[in-house]
């Protein structure tokens, strides 16, 4: 009975957290609109008087956890996470957990919550991976546009602002965010580096380094960018071939890594008496701890195998 009350309190706490996140999202949306309006007004009245703001100073203006959560959704392609999104994520998990608590007890509820959390993280990881592949595929085309504009006499900054108009998809979102920072007085190199850090886009960070070197020391940045675009296309082609050749190995690695965890959680949810009996027994407890440690080590090794191929 006490455990059920504790779980009910936890469910109420999660519901309150969802409402709080909803309120924070609404406040963040209003703040973004106000900040964009103020930036446009300042740019019109005091153009050229703004000082660049470093990424560390910008990060200090917002709570670290809120900024990390916002960046997590940005990497998944969600620009403005609303309260509705948080409700869609949390409410089904709370309902399933309470349903498992009523039917199977606190251990089934715990297993259900763990399984739902794993599935939610896996879903957003898939969206992030898909977005990363799209960004890598779009970047060479944008670099070709930069090269053509620089070749006919434009500066790298002017070419960047002109070339954004021909970009679509998620890369356009990143470039627009960087362009707004540039219009606010931030150097193009720093703006691109900041967006590359937020989206964990290493290729864009390399482009920012080339632009920074060109701005400080001069040189033929168009030649470097052209070779980078060709290299990225060759690398993408080679990666696609490797993915096609190693599909069975990667699928086997994923199945071997996920299947034991899924079976363990399934047993906890639907037959927790067996799990509790093993946990009470001294030998069974050692076996469960050893199995969990082996699963962590094996899952990490299989993950590294799947990522390296």
C-alpha atoms as a PDB file:
ATOM      1  CA  UNK A   1       0.000   0.000   0.000  1.00  0.00           C
ATOM      2  CA  UNK A   2       2.794   2.398   0.869  1.00  0.00           C
ATOM      3  CA  UNK A   3       4.531   1.627  -2.425  1.00  0.00           C
ATOM      4  CA  UNK A   4       1.332   2.338  -4.351  1.00  0.00           C
ATOM      5  CA  UNK A   5       1.015   5.693  -2.598  1.00  0.00           C
ATOM      6  CA  UNK A   6       4.620   6.535  -3.413  1.00  0.00           C
ATOM      7  CA  UNK A   7       4.062   5.678  -7.083  1.00  0.00           C
ATOM      8  CA  UNK A   8       0.865   7.719  -7.144  1.00  0.00           C
ATOM      9  CA  UNK A   9       2.788  10.649  -5.687  1.00  0.00           C
ATOM     10  CA  UNK A  10       5.465  10.172  -8.344  1.00  0.00           C
ATOM     11  CA  UNK A  11       2.785  10.189 -11.051  1.00  0.00           C
ATOM     12  CA  UNK A  12       1.357  13.428  -9.671  1.00  0.00           C
ATOM     13  CA  UNK A  13       4.860  14.880  -9.554  1.00  0.00           C
ATOM     14  CA  UNK A  14       5.419  13.958 -13.201  1.00  0.00           C
ATOM     15  CA  UNK A  15       2.087  15.531 -14.115  1.00  0.00           C
ATOM     16  CA  UNK A  16       3.086  18.706 -12.309  1.00  0.00           C
ATOM     17  CA  UNK A  17       6.442  18.649 -14.086  1.00  0.00           C
ATOM     18  CA  UNK A  18       4.657  18.352 -17.433  1.00  0.00           C
ATOM     19  CA  UNK A  19       2.500  21.379 -16.621  1.00  0.00           C
ATOM     20  CA  UNK A  20       5.579  23.313 -15.506  1.00  0.00           C
ATOM     21  CA  UNK A  21       7.395  22.457 -18.739  1.00  0.00           C
ATOM     22  CA  UNK A  22       4.332  23.542 -20.679  1.00  0.00           C
ATOM     23  CA  UNK A  23       4.355  26.898 -18.905  1.00  0.00           C
ATOM     24  CA  UNK A  24       8.100  27.265 -19.493  1.00  0.00           C
ATOM     25  CA  UNK A  25       7.613  26.528 -23.201  1.00  0.00           C
ATOM     26  CA  UNK A  26       4.927  29.201 -23.479  1.00  0.00           C
ATOM     27  CA  UNK A  27       7.160  31.713 -21.701  1.00  0.00           C
ATOM     28  CA  UNK A  28      10.080  30.764 -23.943  1.00  0.00           C
ATOM     29  CA  UNK A  29       7.954  31.293 -27.052  1.00  0.00           C
ATOM     30  CA  UNK A  30       6.898  34.765 -25.892  1.00  0.00           C
ATOM     31  CA  UNK A  31      10.482  35.643 -24.978  1.00  0.00           C
ATOM     32  CA  UNK A  32      11.720  34.534 -28.411  1.00  0.00           C
ATOM     33  CA  UNK A  33       9.168  36.741 -30.160  1.00  0.00           C
ATOM     34  CA  UNK A  34      10.077  39.716 -27.962  1.00  0.00           C
ATOM     35  CA  UNK A  35      13.810  39.143 -28.419  1.00  0.00           C
ATOM     36  CA  UNK A  36      13.458  38.957 -32.196  1.00  0.00           C
ATOM     37  CA  UNK A  37      11.517  42.232 -32.254  1.00  0.00           C
ATOM     38  CA  UNK A  38      14.077  43.972 -30.040  1.00  0.00           C
ATOM     39  CA  UNK A  39      16.943  42.695 -32.202  1.00  0.00           C
ATOM     40  CA  UNK A  40      15.315  44.108 -35.324  1.00  0.00           C
ATOM     41  CA  UNK A  41      14.811  47.482 -33.654  1.00  0.00           C
ATOM     42  CA  UNK A  42      18.367  47.647 -32.334  1.00  0.00           C
ATOM     43  CA  UNK A  43      19.760  46.615 -35.703  1.00  0.00           C
ATOM     44  CA  UNK A  44      17.857  49.427 -37.418  1.00  0.00           C
ATOM     45  CA  UNK A  45      18.828  52.165 -34.924  1.00  0.00           C
ATOM     46  CA  UNK A  46      22.332  51.203 -33.869  1.00  0.00           C
ATOM     47  CA  UNK A  47      23.727  49.198 -36.725  1.00  0.00           C
ATOM     48  CA  UNK A  48      27.411  48.618 -36.349  1.00  0.00           C
ATOM     49  CA  UNK A  49      27.492  49.424 -32.611  1.00  0.00           C
ATOM     50  CA  UNK A  50      26.708  45.964 -31.296  1.00  0.00           C
ATOM     51  CA  UNK A  51      29.499  43.965 -29.750  1.00  0.00           C
ATOM     52  CA  UNK A  52      29.838  40.272 -30.526  1.00  0.00           C
ATOM     53  CA  UNK A  53      28.566  38.026 -27.803  1.00  0.00           C
ATOM     54  CA  UNK A  54      30.451  34.834 -27.140  1.00  0.00           C
ATOM     55  CA  UNK A  55      28.756  31.468 -26.892  1.00  0.00           C
ATOM     56  CA  UNK A  56      29.682  31.152 -23.218  1.00  0.00           C
ATOM     57  CA  UNK A  57      28.056  34.487 -22.315  1.00  0.00           C
ATOM     58  CA  UNK A  58      24.908  33.555 -24.209  1.00  0.00           C
ATOM     59  CA  UNK A  59      24.753  30.235 -22.426  1.00  0.00           C
ATOM     60  CA  UNK A  60      24.917  31.958 -19.017  1.00  0.00           C
ATOM     61  CA  UNK A  61      21.687  33.843 -19.684  1.00  0.00           C
ATOM     62  CA  UNK A  62      19.557  30.693 -19.547  1.00  0.00           C
ATOM     63  CA  UNK A  63      19.436  27.776 -17.132  1.00  0.00           C
ATOM     64  CA  UNK A  64      21.727  24.982 -18.226  1.00  0.00           C
ATOM     65  CA  UNK A  65      19.068  22.276 -18.066  1.00  0.00           C
ATOM     66  CA  UNK A  66      16.557  24.298 -20.088  1.00  0.00           C
ATOM     67  CA  UNK A  67      19.163  25.122 -22.726  1.00  0.00           C
ATOM     68  CA  UNK A  68      20.286  21.483 -22.957  1.00  0.00           C
ATOM     69  CA  UNK A  69      16.690  20.297 -23.379  1.00  0.00           C
ATOM     70  CA  UNK A  70      16.053  22.912 -26.044  1.00  0.00           C
ATOM     71  CA  UNK A  71      19.211  21.904 -27.930  1.00  0.00           C
ATOM     72  CA  UNK A  72      18.154  18.253 -27.676  1.00  0.00           C
ATOM     73  CA  UNK A  73      14.899  19.044 -29.459  1.00  0.00           C
ATOM     74  CA  UNK A  74      16.704  21.240 -31.994  1.00  0.00           C
ATOM     75  CA  UNK A  75      18.924  18.309 -32.973  1.00  0.00           C
ATOM     76  CA  UNK A  76      15.748  16.272 -33.524  1.00  0.00           C
ATOM     77  CA  UNK A  77      14.338  18.932 -35.860  1.00  0.00           C
ATOM     78  CA  UNK A  78      11.877  20.488 -33.377  1.00  0.00           C
ATOM     79  CA  UNK A  79      12.394  24.242 -33.373  1.00  0.00           C
ATOM     80  CA  UNK A  80       9.908  25.337 -30.709  1.00  0.00           C
ATOM     81  CA  UNK A  81       8.920  22.562 -28.285  1.00  0.00           C
ATOM     82  CA  UNK A  82       5.505  23.466 -26.936  1.00  0.00           C
ATOM     83  CA  UNK A  83       3.530  22.304 -23.963  1.00  0.00           C
ATOM     84  CA  UNK A  84       1.520  20.074 -26.275  1.00  0.00           C
ATOM     85  CA  UNK A  85       4.697  18.213 -27.225  1.00  0.00           C
ATOM     86  CA  UNK A  86       5.661  17.688 -23.577  1.00  0.00           C
ATOM     87  CA  UNK A  87       2.148  16.448 -22.849  1.00  0.00           C
ATOM     88  CA  UNK A  88       2.304  14.027 -25.789  1.00  0.00           C
ATOM     89  CA  UNK A  89       5.558  12.640 -24.403  1.00  0.00           C
ATOM     90  CA  UNK A  90       4.728  12.445 -20.685  1.00  0.00           C
ATOM     91  CA  UNK A  91       1.001  11.686 -20.516  1.00  0.00           C
ATOM     92  CA  UNK A  92       1.115   8.284 -22.319  1.00  0.00           C
ATOM     93  CA  UNK A  93       4.021   7.208 -20.113  1.00  0.00           C
ATOM     94  CA  UNK A  94       2.154   8.202 -16.941  1.00  0.00           C
ATOM     95  CA  UNK A  95      -1.020   6.430 -18.087  1.00  0.00           C
ATOM     96  CA  UNK A  96       0.831   3.228 -18.990  1.00  0.00           C
ATOM     97  CA  UNK A  97       2.751   3.310 -15.706  1.00  0.00           C
ATOM     98  CA  UNK A  98      -0.440   3.687 -13.661  1.00  0.00           C
ATOM     99  CA  UNK A  99      -2.099   0.928 -15.690  1.00  0.00           C
ATOM    100  CA  UNK A 100       0.842  -1.391 -14.995  1.00  0.00           C
ATOM    101  CA  UNK A 101       0.742  -0.402 -11.312  1.00  0.00           C
ATOM    102  CA  UNK A 102      -2.913  -1.387 -11.018  1.00  0.00           C
ATOM    103  CA  UNK A 103      -2.514  -4.705 -12.835  1.00  0.00           C
ATOM    104  CA  UNK A 104       0.961  -5.885 -11.880  1.00  0.00           C
ATOM    105  CA  UNK A 105       2.239  -3.927  -8.913  1.00  0.00           C
ATOM    106  CA  UNK A 106       5.053  -1.459  -8.372  1.00  0.00           C
ATOM    107  CA  UNK A 107       7.708  -3.567 -10.108  1.00  0.00           C
ATOM    108  CA  UNK A 108       5.625  -3.818 -13.283  1.00  0.00           C
ATOM    109  CA  UNK A 109       5.087  -0.056 -13.146  1.00  0.00           C
ATOM    110  CA  UNK A 110       8.826   0.512 -12.818  1.00  0.00           C
ATOM    111  CA  UNK A 111       9.545  -1.760 -15.792  1.00  0.00           C
ATOM    112  CA  UNK A 112       6.877  -0.028 -17.869  1.00  0.00           C
ATOM    113  CA  UNK A 113       8.324   3.403 -17.076  1.00  0.00           C
ATOM    114  CA  UNK A 114      11.827   2.217 -17.998  1.00  0.00           C
ATOM    115  CA  UNK A 115      10.626   0.678 -21.264  1.00  0.00           C
ATOM    116  CA  UNK A 116       8.670   3.789 -22.227  1.00  0.00           C
ATOM    117  CA  UNK A 117      11.643   6.041 -21.467  1.00  0.00           C
ATOM    118  CA  UNK A 118      13.926   3.858 -23.600  1.00  0.00           C
ATOM    119  CA  UNK A 119      11.471   3.907 -26.512  1.00  0.00           C
ATOM    120  CA  UNK A 120      11.073   7.697 -26.278  1.00  0.00           C
ATOM    121  CA  UNK A 121      14.836   8.267 -26.280  1.00  0.00           C
ATOM    122  CA  UNK A 122      15.255   5.819 -29.159  1.00  0.00           C
ATOM    123  CA  UNK A 123      12.574   7.637 -31.170  1.00  0.00           C
ATOM    124  CA  UNK A 124      14.273  11.008 -30.790  1.00  0.00           C
ATOM    125  CA  UNK A 125      17.648   9.411 -31.519  1.00  0.00           C
ATOM    126  CA  UNK A 126      16.263   8.137 -34.830  1.00  0.00           C
ATOM    127  CA  UNK A 127      14.969  11.630 -35.687  1.00  0.00           C
ATOM    128  CA  UNK A 128      18.355  13.138 -34.802  1.00  0.00           C
ATOM    129  CA  UNK A 129      20.232  10.598 -36.935  1.00  0.00           C
ATOM    130  CA  UNK A 130      17.925  11.211 -39.891  1.00  0.00           C
ATOM    131  CA  UNK A 131      18.423  14.958 -39.580  1.00  0.00           C
ATOM    132  CA  UNK A 132      22.213  14.560 -39.399  1.00  0.00           C
ATOM    133  CA  UNK A 133      22.212  12.541 -42.627  1.00  0.00           C
ATOM    134  CA  UNK A 134      20.070  15.181 -44.319  1.00  0.00           C
ATOM    135  CA  UNK A 135      22.414  17.974 -43.205  1.00  0.00           C
ATOM    136  CA  UNK A 136      25.490  16.138 -44.478  1.00  0.00           C
ATOM    137  CA  UNK A 137      23.766  15.538 -47.810  1.00  0.00           C
ATOM    138  CA  UNK A 138      22.732  19.200 -48.197  1.00  0.00           C
ATOM    139  CA  UNK A 139      25.981  20.886 -47.166  1.00  0.00           C
ATOM    140  CA  UNK A 140      28.041  20.149 -50.345  1.00  0.00           C
ATOM    141  CA  UNK A 141      25.395  21.836 -52.512  1.00  0.00           C
ATOM    142  CA  UNK A 142      25.514  24.940 -50.335  1.00  0.00           C
ATOM    143  CA  UNK A 143      29.318  24.981 -50.529  1.00  0.00           C
ATOM    144  CA  UNK A 144      29.113  24.830 -54.334  1.00  0.00           C
ATOM    145  CA  UNK A 145      26.849  27.884 -54.240  1.00  0.00           C
ATOM    146  CA  UNK A 146      29.346  29.707 -52.016  1.00  0.00           C
ATOM    147  CA  UNK A 147      32.182  28.846 -54.403  1.00  0.00           C
ATOM    148  CA  UNK A 148      30.293  30.208 -57.413  1.00  0.00           C
ATOM    149  CA  UNK A 149      29.404  33.447 -55.629  1.00  0.00           C
ATOM    150  CA  UNK A 150      32.951  33.978 -54.317  1.00  0.00           C
ATOM    151  CA  UNK A 151      34.400  33.247 -57.764  1.00  0.00           C
ATOM    152  CA  UNK A 152      32.391  36.043 -59.399  1.00  0.00           C
ATOM    153  CA  UNK A 153      33.693  38.576 -56.865  1.00  0.00           C
ATOM    154  CA  UNK A 154      31.500  38.412 -53.763  1.00  0.00           C
ATOM    155  CA  UNK A 155      33.011  38.377 -50.310  1.00  0.00           C
ATOM    156  CA  UNK A 156      32.542  35.253 -48.220  1.00  0.00           C
ATOM    157  CA  UNK A 157      30.036  37.057 -45.964  1.00  0.00           C
ATOM    158  CA  UNK A 158      27.980  38.380 -48.873  1.00  0.00           C
ATOM    159  CA  UNK A 159      28.114  34.979 -50.576  1.00  0.00           C
ATOM    160  CA  UNK A 160      26.877  33.333 -47.384  1.00  0.00           C
ATOM    161  CA  UNK A 161      23.869  35.630 -47.040  1.00  0.00           C
ATOM    162  CA  UNK A 162      23.023  35.315 -50.741  1.00  0.00           C
ATOM    163  CA  UNK A 163      23.445  31.542 -50.854  1.00  0.00           C
ATOM    164  CA  UNK A 164      21.027  30.934 -47.979  1.00  0.00           C
ATOM    165  CA  UNK A 165      18.107  31.741 -50.277  1.00  0.00           C
ATOM    166  CA  UNK A 166      18.685  28.602 -52.341  1.00  0.00           C
ATOM    167  CA  UNK A 167      18.810  26.203 -49.381  1.00  0.00           C
ATOM    168  CA  UNK A 168      15.838  24.237 -48.095  1.00  0.00           C
ATOM    169  CA  UNK A 169      15.188  21.760 -45.334  1.00  0.00           C
ATOM    170  CA  UNK A 170      16.967  21.544 -41.969  1.00  0.00           C
ATOM    171  CA  UNK A 171      20.168  23.150 -43.268  1.00  0.00           C
ATOM    172  CA  UNK A 172      18.179  26.311 -44.039  1.00  0.00           C
ATOM    173  CA  UNK A 173      17.102  26.486 -40.395  1.00  0.00           C
ATOM    174  CA  UNK A 174      20.695  26.292 -39.146  1.00  0.00           C
ATOM    175  CA  UNK A 175      21.961  28.842 -41.660  1.00  0.00           C
ATOM    176  CA  UNK A 176      19.109  31.230 -40.843  1.00  0.00           C
ATOM    177  CA  UNK A 177      19.968  31.016 -37.152  1.00  0.00           C
ATOM    178  CA  UNK A 178      23.610  31.781 -37.933  1.00  0.00           C
ATOM    179  CA  UNK A 179      22.610  34.611 -40.278  1.00  0.00           C
ATOM    180  CA  UNK A 180      20.506  36.260 -37.568  1.00  0.00           C
ATOM    181  CA  UNK A 181      23.525  36.218 -35.284  1.00  0.00           C
ATOM    182  CA  UNK A 182      25.667  37.755 -38.034  1.00  0.00           C
ATOM    183  CA  UNK A 183      23.106  40.529 -38.527  1.00  0.00           C
ATOM    184  CA  UNK A 184      23.248  41.165 -34.772  1.00  0.00           C
ATOM    185  CA  UNK A 185      27.003  41.763 -34.940  1.00  0.00           C
ATOM    186  CA  UNK A 186      28.525  38.312 -34.370  1.00  0.00           C
ATOM    187  CA  UNK A 187      31.339  37.162 -36.645  1.00  0.00           C
ATOM    188  CA  UNK A 188      30.306  34.614 -39.258  1.00  0.00           C
ATOM    189  CA  UNK A 189      32.890  32.138 -37.998  1.00  0.00           C
ATOM    190  CA  UNK A 190      31.644  32.300 -34.403  1.00  0.00           C
ATOM    191  CA  UNK A 191      28.002  32.105 -35.477  1.00  0.00           C
ATOM    192  CA  UNK A 192      28.639  28.958 -37.515  1.00  0.00           C
ATOM    193  CA  UNK A 193      30.726  27.411 -34.745  1.00  0.00           C
ATOM    194  CA  UNK A 194      27.967  28.007 -32.219  1.00  0.00           C
ATOM    195  CA  UNK A 195      25.340  26.398 -34.444  1.00  0.00           C
ATOM    196  CA  UNK A 196      27.690  23.501 -35.185  1.00  0.00           C
ATOM    197  CA  UNK A 197      28.108  22.940 -31.444  1.00  0.00           C
ATOM    198  CA  UNK A 198      24.353  23.036 -30.829  1.00  0.00           C
ATOM    199  CA  UNK A 199      23.554  20.598 -33.656  1.00  0.00           C
ATOM    200  CA  UNK A 200      26.786  18.587 -33.227  1.00  0.00           C
ATOM    201  CA  UNK A 201      27.494  19.179 -36.907  1.00  0.00           C
ATOM    202  CA  UNK A 202      31.248  18.660 -37.294  1.00  0.00           C
ATOM    203  CA  UNK A 203      31.272  19.403 -41.000  1.00  0.00           C
ATOM    204  CA  UNK A 204      29.822  22.870 -40.418  1.00  0.00           C
ATOM    205  CA  UNK A 205      32.486  23.519 -37.787  1.00  0.00           C
ATOM    206  CA  UNK A 206      35.121  22.718 -40.413  1.00  0.00           C
ATOM    207  CA  UNK A 207      33.497  25.166 -42.823  1.00  0.00           C
ATOM    208  CA  UNK A 208      33.553  27.807 -40.072  1.00  0.00           C
ATOM    209  CA  UNK A 209      37.275  27.194 -39.569  1.00  0.00           C
ATOM    210  CA  UNK A 210      37.949  27.737 -43.290  1.00  0.00           C
ATOM    211  CA  UNK A 211      35.904  30.945 -43.275  1.00  0.00           C
ATOM    212  CA  UNK A 212      37.742  32.173 -40.172  1.00  0.00           C
ATOM    213  CA  UNK A 213      41.173  31.525 -41.678  1.00  0.00           C
ATOM    214  CA  UNK A 214      40.111  33.272 -44.884  1.00  0.00           C
ATOM    215  CA  UNK A 215      38.854  36.305 -42.952  1.00  0.00           C
ATOM    216  CA  UNK A 216      42.036  36.636 -40.867  1.00  0.00           C
ATOM    217  CA  UNK A 217      44.767  35.693 -43.337  1.00  0.00           C
ATOM    218  CA  UNK A 218      43.148  35.851 -46.774  1.00  0.00           C
ATOM    219  CA  UNK A 219      43.758  33.215 -49.438  1.00  0.00           C
ATOM    220  CA  UNK A 220      41.673  31.201 -51.878  1.00  0.00           C
ATOM    221  CA  UNK A 221      38.841  30.080 -49.651  1.00  0.00           C
ATOM    222  CA  UNK A 222      36.765  29.164 -52.708  1.00  0.00           C
ATOM    223  CA  UNK A 223      39.292  26.491 -53.708  1.00  0.00           C
ATOM    224  CA  UNK A 224      39.285  25.000 -50.212  1.00  0.00           C
ATOM    225  CA  UNK A 225      35.491  24.997 -50.036  1.00  0.00           C
ATOM    226  CA  UNK A 226      35.244  23.390 -53.473  1.00  0.00           C
ATOM    227  CA  UNK A 227      37.575  20.583 -52.426  1.00  0.00           C
ATOM    228  CA  UNK A 228      35.679  20.164 -49.169  1.00  0.00           C
ATOM    229  CA  UNK A 229      32.403  19.764 -51.069  1.00  0.00           C
ATOM    230  CA  UNK A 230      33.955  17.137 -53.348  1.00  0.00           C
ATOM    231  CA  UNK A 231      35.426  15.300 -50.358  1.00  0.00           C
ATOM    232  CA  UNK A 232      32.072  15.294 -48.525  1.00  0.00           C
ATOM    233  CA  UNK A 233      30.338  13.821 -51.566  1.00  0.00           C
ATOM    234  CA  UNK A 234      32.970  11.105 -51.906  1.00  0.00           C
ATOM    235  CA  UNK A 235      32.741  10.361 -48.194  1.00  0.00           C
ATOM    236  CA  UNK A 236      28.955  10.139 -48.306  1.00  0.00           C
ATOM    237  CA  UNK A 237      29.129   7.799 -51.302  1.00  0.00           C
ATOM    238  CA  UNK A 238      31.639   5.553 -49.524  1.00  0.00           C
ATOM    239  CA  UNK A 239      29.533   5.530 -46.346  1.00  0.00           C
ATOM    240  CA  UNK A 240      26.419   4.554 -48.297  1.00  0.00           C
ATOM    241  CA  UNK A 241      28.292   1.663 -49.885  1.00  0.00           C
ATOM    242  CA  UNK A 242      29.601   0.550 -46.488  1.00  0.00           C
ATOM    243  CA  UNK A 243      26.116   0.737 -44.993  1.00  0.00           C
ATOM    244  CA  UNK A 244      24.747  -1.410 -47.807  1.00  0.00           C
ATOM    245  CA  UNK A 245      27.485  -4.019 -47.398  1.00  0.00           C
ATOM    246  CA  UNK A 246      27.281  -4.170 -43.595  1.00  0.00           C
ATOM    247  CA  UNK A 247      23.508  -4.031 -43.107  1.00  0.00           C
ATOM    248  CA  UNK A 248      23.296  -7.592 -41.760  1.00  0.00           C
ATOM    249  CA  UNK A 249      26.150  -7.059 -39.288  1.00  0.00           C
ATOM    250  CA  UNK A 250      24.677  -3.839 -37.921  1.00  0.00           C
ATOM    251  CA  UNK A 251      21.197  -5.363 -37.667  1.00  0.00           C
ATOM    252  CA  UNK A 252      22.609  -8.344 -35.782  1.00  0.00           C
ATOM    253  CA  UNK A 253      24.478  -6.018 -33.421  1.00  0.00           C
ATOM    254  CA  UNK A 254      21.338  -4.026 -32.668  1.00  0.00           C
ATOM    255  CA  UNK A 255      19.262  -7.155 -32.072  1.00  0.00           C
ATOM    256  CA  UNK A 256      21.889  -8.740 -29.818  1.00  0.00           C
ATOM    257  CA  UNK A 257      22.196  -5.533 -27.821  1.00  0.00           C
ATOM    258  CA  UNK A 258      18.489  -4.731 -27.446  1.00  0.00           C
ATOM    259  CA  UNK A 259      16.929  -8.201 -27.192  1.00  0.00           C
ATOM    260  CA  UNK A 260      18.278  -9.137 -23.713  1.00  0.00           C
ATOM    261  CA  UNK A 261      17.156  -5.787 -22.301  1.00  0.00           C
ATOM    262  CA  UNK A 262      13.719  -6.139 -23.885  1.00  0.00           C
ATOM    263  CA  UNK A 263      13.291  -9.692 -22.563  1.00  0.00           C
ATOM    264  CA  UNK A 264      14.393  -8.635 -19.068  1.00  0.00           C
ATOM    265  CA  UNK A 265      11.951  -5.720 -18.959  1.00  0.00           C
ATOM    266  CA  UNK A 266       9.198  -7.954 -20.384  1.00  0.00           C
ATOM    267  CA  UNK A 267       9.716 -10.445 -17.548  1.00  0.00           C
ATOM    268  CA  UNK A 268       9.718  -7.646 -14.966  1.00  0.00           C
ATOM    269  CA  UNK A 269       6.416  -6.301 -16.302  1.00  0.00           C
ATOM    270  CA  UNK A 270       4.501  -9.551 -16.806  1.00  0.00           C
ATOM    271  CA  UNK A 271       6.161 -11.961 -14.342  1.00  0.00           C
ATOM    272  CA  UNK A 272       7.714  -9.872 -11.600  1.00  0.00           C
ATOM    273  CA  UNK A 273       7.280 -12.652  -9.021  1.00  0.00           C
ATOM    274  CA  UNK A 274      10.103 -14.592 -10.647  1.00  0.00           C
ATOM    275  CA  UNK A 275      12.307 -11.500 -10.680  1.00  0.00           C
ATOM    276  CA  UNK A 276      11.557 -10.722  -7.019  1.00  0.00           C
ATOM    277  CA  UNK A 277      12.272 -14.326  -6.079  1.00  0.00           C
ATOM    278  CA  UNK A 278      15.657 -14.197  -7.788  1.00  0.00           C
ATOM    279  CA  UNK A 279      16.455 -10.860  -6.160  1.00  0.00           C
ATOM    280  CA  UNK A 280      15.663 -12.173  -2.673  1.00  0.00           C
ATOM    281  CA  UNK A 281      17.807 -15.276  -3.155  1.00  0.00           C
ATOM    282  CA  UNK A 282      21.535 -14.470  -2.535  1.00  0.00           C
ATOM    283  CA  UNK A 283      22.748 -16.471  -5.521  1.00  0.00           C
ATOM    284  CA  UNK A 284      19.985 -15.124  -7.746  1.00  0.00           C
ATOM    285  CA  UNK A 285      20.856 -11.575  -6.721  1.00  0.00           C
ATOM    286  CA  UNK A 286      24.491 -12.100  -7.716  1.00  0.00           C
ATOM    287  CA  UNK A 287      23.360 -13.593 -11.034  1.00  0.00           C
ATOM    288  CA  UNK A 288      21.135 -10.600 -11.775  1.00  0.00           C
ATOM    289  CA  UNK A 289      23.891  -8.104 -10.942  1.00  0.00           C
ATOM    290  CA  UNK A 290      26.404 -10.048 -13.027  1.00  0.00           C
ATOM    291  CA  UNK A 291      23.964 -10.269 -15.943  1.00  0.00           C
ATOM    292  CA  UNK A 292      23.334  -6.515 -15.778  1.00  0.00           C
ATOM    293  CA  UNK A 293      27.076  -5.775 -15.799  1.00  0.00           C
ATOM    294  CA  UNK A 294      27.672  -8.134 -18.719  1.00  0.00           C
ATOM    295  CA  UNK A 295      24.760  -6.568 -20.591  1.00  0.00           C
ATOM    296  CA  UNK A 296      26.197  -3.074 -20.119  1.00  0.00           C
ATOM    297  CA  UNK A 297      29.639  -4.146 -21.363  1.00  0.00           C
ATOM    298  CA  UNK A 298      28.234  -6.178 -24.254  1.00  0.00           C
ATOM    299  CA  UNK A 299      25.789  -3.456 -25.276  1.00  0.00           C
ATOM    300  CA  UNK A 300      28.573  -0.873 -25.332  1.00  0.00           C
ATOM    301  CA  UNK A 301      30.805  -3.132 -27.446  1.00  0.00           C
ATOM    302  CA  UNK A 302      27.988  -3.869 -29.901  1.00  0.00           C
ATOM    303  CA  UNK A 303      27.142  -0.170 -30.076  1.00  0.00           C
ATOM    304  CA  UNK A 304      30.753   0.654 -30.932  1.00  0.00           C
ATOM    305  CA  UNK A 305      30.690  -2.110 -33.542  1.00  0.00           C
ATOM    306  CA  UNK A 306      27.535  -0.754 -35.158  1.00  0.00           C
ATOM    307  CA  UNK A 307      28.873   2.824 -35.139  1.00  0.00           C
ATOM    308  CA  UNK A 308      32.279   1.905 -36.562  1.00  0.00           C
ATOM    309  CA  UNK A 309      30.898   0.106 -39.614  1.00  0.00           C
END
